[in-house]
Amino acid sequence: MAKENREMRLSAAEKKAAALPAKLTVPMILFFLPVLFIVILTPAIISIQDTMAKGG
């Protein structure tokens, strides 16, 4: 009986762990990717602004 309970808990934990990546996809897109783009694009935007301010 204890072994069956242990196996059921392990099976439930494995199912939850398997479903986790699908559940994390949307939050990652909403929160992580915009920040990543800001970090990557900010230096380029600053450089372009400096170039434009100097007249080309």
Protein backbone atom coordinates (compact mmCIF):
# COMPACT_ATOMS: atom_id res chain seq x y z
CA MET A 1 0.00 0.00 0.00
CA ALA A 2 2.78 2.45 0.87
CA LYS A 3 4.61 1.49 -2.32
CA GLU A 4 1.48 2.19 -4.38
CA ASN A 5 1.09 5.61 -2.74
CA ARG A 6 4.73 6.40 -3.45
CA GLU A 7 4.36 5.36 -7.08
CA MET A 8 1.20 7.43 -7.47
CA ARG A 9 2.90 10.52 -6.02
CA LEU A 10 5.92 9.98 -8.26
CA SER A 11 3.67 9.58 -11.30
CA ALA A 12 1.76 12.76 -10.44
CA ALA A 13 5.01 14.68 -9.96
CA GLU A 14 6.32 13.45 -13.33
CA LYS A 15 3.10 14.55 -15.06
CA LYS A 16 3.37 18.01 -13.48
CA ALA A 17 7.02 18.28 -14.48
CA ALA A 18 6.20 17.26 -18.06
CA ALA A 19 3.50 19.95 -18.32
CA LEU A 20 5.68 22.73 -16.91
CA PRO A 21 7.49 23.83 -20.12
CA ALA A 22 4.18 24.35 -21.92
CA LYS A 23 2.87 26.45 -19.05
CA LEU A 24 6.05 28.57 -18.91
CA THR A 25 6.10 29.45 -22.60
CA VAL A 26 3.58 32.31 -22.43
CA PRO A 27 5.07 34.00 -19.33
CA MET A 28 8.52 33.74 -20.89
CA ILE A 29 7.31 35.40 -24.09
CA LEU A 30 5.47 38.12 -22.18
CA PHE A 31 8.14 38.96 -19.62
CA PHE A 32 11.56 37.71 -20.70
CA LEU A 33 11.71 38.44 -24.43
CA PRO A 34 10.75 42.15 -24.24
CA VAL A 35 13.48 42.73 -21.66
CA LEU A 36 15.94 40.83 -23.83
CA PHE A 37 15.08 43.00 -26.84
CA ILE A 38 15.48 46.17 -24.77
CA VAL A 39 18.91 45.08 -23.57
CA ILE A 40 20.01 44.17 -27.10
CA LEU A 41 18.53 47.14 -28.96
CA THR A 42 19.21 50.01 -26.53
CA PRO A 43 22.93 50.39 -27.40
CA ALA A 44 22.10 50.37 -31.12
CA ILE A 45 19.40 53.03 -30.66
CA ILE A 46 21.76 55.21 -28.62
CA SER A 47 24.44 54.85 -31.29
CA ILE A 48 21.99 55.81 -34.04
CA GLN A 49 20.83 58.84 -32.06
CA ASP A 50 24.43 59.98 -31.53
CA THR A 51 25.15 59.58 -35.24
CA MET A 52 22.03 61.54 -36.22
CA ALA A 53 22.80 64.30 -33.70
CA LYS A 54 26.28 64.78 -35.19
CA GLY A 55 24.77 65.25 -38.63
CA GLY A 56 25.58 61.94 -40.21
